[in-house]
Amino acid sequence: MSKARRGARAPIALLIPAALGLAFLVLPLAGLLIRTPWRSLPERLAAPGVLAALRLSLLTATLATVLCVLLGVPLAWLLARTEFPGRRLVRALVTVPLVLPPVVGGVALLLVFGRRGLIGHWLDATFGITLPFTTAGVVVAEAFVAMPFLVIAVEGALRGSDTRYEEAAATLGANRFAVFRRVTLPLVAPGVAAGAVLCWARALGEFGATITFAGNFPGRTQTMPLAVYLALETDLDAALVLSLILLTVSVGILAALRDKWITSP
């Protein structure tokens, strides 16, 4: 496309709805910034409830991301590098949490990992492990909704990588796991990093599955999104402060990953 064509003036019929769409997306964020209690912001950030929710959110989002990387990278490799019956169905199932209402995901987790669930009953009876309404349950809920972001990013990176290096390593006698560890992973490391960051951000902002599967107990399962929900009923300024933290994290991540999505200026 020529520079002249790219720099052509937009027709009014497109410019007006585009401006309205931009305003629709930006005005709520501007309202959040305008209503934030900036003068009391340091004091509110130092409040015990805010710090506890922040620490728990950072911890659980990080653990959920580690779990997603350990399970999601091999899954992405399987979808990108192998042919097997039902691969399209598997890919569809992997992406279901992207469109599934989070509350429904929380109910599904309860049916599987609850004390009377398909796996939870066995875990409780055999090992005494109970996941619902615990910090570990928060990690499981966040990993469930966030893993598709990692799998999609890594699968895309694998499909876009040059397989000749892997083939060369295989011809030199390296087994498939060695090729994966020494050749494939370094090639797709930027994609894994981008997927992990997106995964972490999604886990940090998770609400529906967390409150359904893990509950809302301060210091144990109350993450920042849950604290925002609770603060809206009692302390609007605290809710604004927590929302500002989540907004700052989201904008920072989008800015850092801009080059991963936009390939031309």
Protein backbone atom coordinates (compact mmCIF):
# COMPACT_ATOMS: atom_id res chain seq x y z
CA MET A 1 0.00 0.00 0.00
CA SER A 2 1.41 3.40 -0.98
CA LYS A 3 2.12 6.12 1.54
CA ALA A 4 -0.30 8.42 -0.26
CA ARG A 5 -3.06 5.85 0.06
CA ARG A 6 -2.32 5.22 3.72
CA GLY A 7 -2.31 8.93 4.44
CA ALA A 8 -5.63 9.63 2.68
CA ARG A 9 -8.27 11.45 4.66
CA ALA A 10 -10.95 9.25 6.17
CA PRO A 11 -14.53 9.76 4.93
CA ILE A 12 -16.90 11.38 7.40
CA ALA A 13 -19.17 8.32 7.27
CA LEU A 14 -16.34 6.29 8.83
CA LEU A 15 -14.67 8.99 10.90
CA ILE A 16 -17.73 9.79 13.05
CA PRO A 17 -18.52 6.21 14.20
CA ALA A 18 -14.80 5.59 14.69
CA ALA A 19 -14.56 8.63 16.96
CA LEU A 20 -17.65 7.51 18.86
CA GLY A 21 -16.17 4.03 19.28
CA LEU A 22 -12.93 5.51 20.60
CA ALA A 23 -14.83 7.73 23.03
CA PHE A 24 -16.90 4.77 24.18
CA LEU A 25 -13.71 2.91 25.11
CA VAL A 26 -11.69 5.81 26.50
CA LEU A 27 -14.25 7.79 28.51
CA PRO A 28 -14.79 5.13 31.22
CA LEU A 29 -11.02 4.97 31.75
CA ALA A 30 -10.83 8.74 31.87
CA GLY A 31 -13.63 8.76 34.42
CA LEU A 32 -11.66 6.36 36.58
CA LEU A 33 -8.60 8.61 36.46
CA ILE A 34 -10.62 11.74 37.17
CA ARG A 35 -12.41 10.26 40.18
CA THR A 36 -9.30 8.67 41.71
CA PRO A 37 -8.52 10.25 45.12
CA TRP A 38 -4.99 11.36 44.17
CA ARG A 39 -4.35 13.29 47.39
CA SER A 40 -5.01 10.29 49.63
CA LEU A 41 -3.58 7.78 47.16
CA PRO A 42 -0.35 6.99 49.11
CA GLU A 43 -2.28 6.40 52.32
CA ARG A 44 -4.82 4.17 50.64
CA LEU A 45 -2.13 2.18 48.84
CA ALA A 46 -0.55 1.51 52.24
CA ALA A 47 -3.83 0.29 53.77
CA PRO A 48 -3.57 -3.31 55.10
CA GLY A 49 -6.48 -4.54 53.00
CA VAL A 50 -5.07 -3.12 49.79
CA LEU A 51 -1.59 -4.49 50.43
CA ALA A 52 -2.96 -7.92 51.35
CA ALA A 53 -5.04 -8.11 48.17
CA LEU A 54 -2.10 -6.85 46.10
CA ARG A 55 0.34 -9.38 47.56
CA LEU A 56 -2.10 -12.25 47.12
CA SER A 57 -2.90 -11.21 43.55
CA LEU A 58 0.76 -11.00 42.57
CA LEU A 59 1.53 -14.35 44.21
CA THR A 60 -1.39 -16.29 42.75
CA ALA A 61 -1.05 -14.75 39.28
CA THR A 62 2.65 -15.68 39.21
CA LEU A 63 2.01 -19.24 40.39
CA ALA A 64 -0.82 -19.62 37.90
CA THR A 65 1.48 -18.42 35.11
CA VAL A 66 4.17 -20.92 36.10
CA LEU A 67 1.54 -23.70 36.02
CA CYS A 68 0.31 -22.51 32.62
CA VAL A 69 3.85 -22.46 31.20
CA LEU A 70 4.60 -25.97 32.46
CA LEU A 71 1.41 -27.40 30.98
CA GLY A 72 0.63 -25.00 28.15
CA VAL A 73 3.94 -24.98 26.26
CA PRO A 74 3.92 -28.76 25.69
CA LEU A 75 0.24 -28.53 24.72
CA ALA A 76 0.99 -25.77 22.22
CA TRP A 77 3.85 -27.85 20.76
CA LEU A 78 1.50 -30.82 20.42
CA LEU A 79 -1.03 -28.73 18.51
CA ALA A 80 1.58 -27.09 16.27
CA ARG A 81 3.98 -29.90 15.51
CA THR A 82 1.99 -33.15 15.48
CA GLU A 83 -0.92 -34.60 13.55
CA PHE A 84 -3.44 -36.73 15.42
CA PRO A 85 -7.14 -37.52 15.14
CA GLY A 86 -9.31 -34.88 16.76
CA ARG A 87 -6.66 -32.14 16.77
CA ARG A 88 -9.20 -29.51 15.72
CA LEU A 89 -11.49 -30.59 18.54
CA VAL A 90 -8.63 -30.37 21.04
CA ARG A 91 -7.76 -26.87 19.81
CA ALA A 92 -11.40 -25.84 20.17
CA LEU A 93 -11.54 -27.21 23.71
CA VAL A 94 -8.35 -25.36 24.62
CA THR A 95 -9.91 -22.07 23.58
CA VAL A 96 -13.27 -22.64 25.29
CA PRO A 97 -12.26 -20.72 28.48
CA LEU A 98 -11.80 -17.62 26.30
CA VAL A 99 -15.54 -17.47 25.57
CA LEU A 100 -16.92 -19.37 28.55
CA PRO A 101 -18.46 -17.12 31.22
CA PRO A 102 -15.98 -17.18 34.12
CA VAL A 103 -18.71 -18.04 36.63
CA VAL A 104 -19.54 -21.13 34.58
CA GLY A 105 -15.85 -22.01 34.64
CA GLY A 106 -15.90 -21.74 38.44
CA VAL A 107 -18.90 -24.06 38.63
CA ALA A 108 -17.15 -26.53 36.33
CA LEU A 109 -14.06 -26.43 38.56
CA LEU A 110 -16.22 -27.15 41.61
CA LEU A 111 -17.73 -30.17 39.88
CA VAL A 112 -14.26 -31.55 39.17
CA PHE A 113 -12.11 -30.40 42.10
CA GLY A 114 -14.73 -29.92 44.81
CA ARG A 115 -14.87 -32.30 47.76
CA ARG A 116 -17.52 -34.31 45.94
CA GLY A 117 -16.09 -33.66 42.49
CA LEU A 118 -14.73 -36.15 40.01
CA ILE A 119 -11.11 -35.61 41.11
CA GLY A 120 -11.59 -33.58 44.28
CA HIS A 121 -13.24 -36.48 46.11
CA TRP A 122 -10.21 -38.68 45.41
CA LEU A 123 -7.75 -35.93 46.38
CA ASP A 124 -9.56 -35.36 49.67
CA ALA A 125 -9.91 -39.04 50.54
CA THR A 126 -6.38 -40.05 49.50
CA PHE A 127 -4.18 -37.05 50.29
CA GLY A 128 -6.41 -34.80 52.37
CA ILE A 129 -6.10 -32.06 49.72
CA THR A 130 -8.98 -29.62 49.37
CA LEU A 131 -8.77 -26.98 46.66
CA PRO A 132 -12.03 -24.97 46.84
CA PHE A 133 -11.96 -21.84 49.03
CA THR A 134 -8.18 -21.95 49.43
CA THR A 135 -5.27 -19.98 48.00
CA ALA A 136 -4.41 -23.00 45.86
CA GLY A 137 -7.95 -22.85 44.54
CA VAL A 138 -7.32 -19.26 43.41
CA VAL A 139 -4.27 -20.45 41.47
CA VAL A 140 -6.27 -23.23 39.81
CA ALA A 141 -9.10 -20.88 38.85
CA GLU A 142 -6.72 -18.30 37.42
CA ALA A 143 -4.75 -20.90 35.49
CA PHE A 144 -7.95 -22.32 33.99
CA VAL A 145 -9.02 -19.01 32.46
CA ALA A 146 -5.52 -17.80 31.55
CA MET A 147 -3.92 -20.84 29.93
CA PRO A 148 -5.56 -20.37 26.50
CA PHE A 149 -3.73 -17.04 26.10
CA LEU A 150 -0.40 -18.80 26.54
CA VAL A 151 -1.26 -21.77 24.32
CA ILE A 152 -2.46 -19.55 21.46
CA ALA A 153 0.61 -17.32 21.64
CA VAL A 154 3.08 -20.21 21.78
CA GLU A 155 1.31 -22.20 19.05
CA GLY A 156 1.42 -19.15 16.79
CA ALA A 157 5.13 -18.72 17.49
CA LEU A 158 5.78 -22.40 16.75
CA ARG A 159 3.90 -22.26 13.47
CA GLY A 160 5.84 -19.17 12.43
CA SER A 161 9.27 -20.53 13.34
CA ASP A 162 11.71 -22.04 10.85
CA THR A 163 11.67 -25.82 11.24
CA ARG A 164 14.93 -26.28 9.33
CA TYR A 165 16.95 -25.80 12.52
CA GLU A 166 14.98 -28.55 14.24
CA GLU A 167 15.43 -30.84 11.25
CA ALA A 168 19.17 -30.15 11.23
CA ALA A 169 19.44 -31.00 14.93
CA ALA A 170 17.49 -34.22 14.36
CA THR A 171 19.80 -35.28 11.52
CA LEU A 172 22.77 -34.77 13.87
CA GLY A 173 21.33 -37.38 16.22
CA ALA A 174 19.41 -35.33 18.78
CA ASN A 175 16.24 -36.93 20.07
CA ARG A 176 12.92 -35.09 19.91
CA PHE A 177 13.04 -33.85 23.50
CA ALA A 178 16.59 -32.58 23.05
CA VAL A 179 15.52 -30.77 19.88
CA PHE A 180 12.61 -29.24 21.76
CA ARG A 181 14.75 -28.15 24.70
CA ARG A 182 17.83 -26.90 22.86
CA VAL A 183 16.44 -25.68 19.55
CA THR A 184 12.68 -25.15 19.59
CA LEU A 185 12.38 -23.36 22.92
CA PRO A 186 15.12 -20.80 22.16
CA LEU A 187 13.51 -20.12 18.77
CA VAL A 188 10.08 -19.41 20.23
CA ALA A 189 11.27 -17.84 23.49
CA PRO A 190 9.85 -14.38 22.59
CA GLY A 191 6.46 -15.97 21.89
CA VAL A 192 6.58 -17.88 25.16
CA ALA A 193 7.48 -14.69 27.03
CA ALA A 194 4.66 -12.72 25.38
CA GLY A 195 2.18 -15.50 26.09
CA ALA A 196 3.33 -15.73 29.70
CA VAL A 197 2.88 -11.99 30.20
CA LEU A 198 -0.62 -12.09 28.72
CA CYS A 199 -1.38 -15.13 30.84
CA TRP A 200 -0.16 -13.35 33.97
CA ALA A 201 -2.25 -10.27 33.21
CA ARG A 202 -5.37 -12.37 32.63
CA ALA A 203 -4.78 -14.25 35.87
CA LEU A 204 -4.28 -10.98 37.75
CA GLY A 205 -7.65 -9.69 36.58
CA GLU A 206 -9.65 -12.88 37.02
CA PHE A 207 -12.87 -12.51 39.01
CA GLY A 208 -15.77 -14.82 38.15
CA ALA A 209 -14.13 -18.24 38.37
CA THR A 210 -12.15 -17.18 41.44
CA ILE A 211 -15.11 -16.01 43.51
CA THR A 212 -17.14 -19.08 42.50
CA PHE A 213 -14.44 -21.69 43.10
CA ALA A 214 -12.28 -20.08 45.79
CA GLY A 215 -14.61 -17.63 47.52
CA ASN A 216 -13.81 -14.15 48.82
CA PHE A 217 -11.88 -14.50 52.08
CA PRO A 218 -9.55 -11.58 52.96
CA GLY A 219 -5.91 -12.63 53.16
CA ARG A 220 -6.60 -16.07 51.73
CA THR A 221 -8.60 -15.84 48.50
CA GLN A 222 -9.48 -12.15 48.14
CA THR A 223 -7.52 -10.93 45.12
CA MET A 224 -7.63 -7.36 43.82
CA PRO A 225 -10.66 -7.81 41.52
CA LEU A 226 -12.59 -9.35 44.41
CA ALA A 227 -11.46 -6.54 46.71
CA VAL A 228 -12.73 -4.01 44.16
CA TYR A 229 -16.12 -5.73 44.11
CA LEU A 230 -16.33 -5.72 47.90
CA ALA A 231 -15.07 -2.14 48.27
CA LEU A 232 -17.73 -0.83 45.89
CA GLU A 233 -20.32 -1.53 48.59
CA THR A 234 -18.48 0.21 51.43
CA ASP A 235 -15.61 2.41 50.24
CA LEU A 236 -15.70 3.80 46.70
CA ASP A 237 -12.28 5.47 47.01
CA ALA A 238 -10.65 2.15 47.92
CA ALA A 239 -12.32 0.53 44.92
CA LEU A 240 -10.96 3.32 42.70
CA VAL A 241 -7.43 2.85 44.04
CA LEU A 242 -7.49 -0.90 43.42
CA SER A 243 -8.97 -0.35 39.96
CA LEU A 244 -6.21 2.14 39.19
CA ILE A 245 -3.57 -0.47 40.06
CA LEU A 246 -5.16 -3.00 37.71
CA LEU A 247 -5.51 -0.36 34.98
CA THR A 248 -1.85 0.62 35.32
CA VAL A 249 -0.73 -2.99 35.04
CA SER A 250 -2.92 -3.58 31.99
CA VAL A 251 -1.70 -0.47 30.16
CA GLY A 252 1.91 -1.32 30.97
CA ILE A 253 1.55 -4.83 29.59
CA LEU A 254 -0.17 -3.64 26.41
CA ALA A 255 2.57 -1.07 25.86
CA ALA A 256 5.29 -3.67 26.40
CA LEU A 257 3.70 -6.14 23.98
CA ARG A 258 2.84 -3.63 21.28
CA ASP A 259 5.64 -4.83 18.99
CA LYS A 260 4.35 -8.39 19.25
CA TRP A 261 1.06 -7.43 17.60
CA ILE A 262 1.95 -4.52 15.32
CA THR A 263 4.58 -5.40 12.75
CA SER A 264 4.61 -2.14 10.84
CA PRO A 265 4.50 1.50 11.95
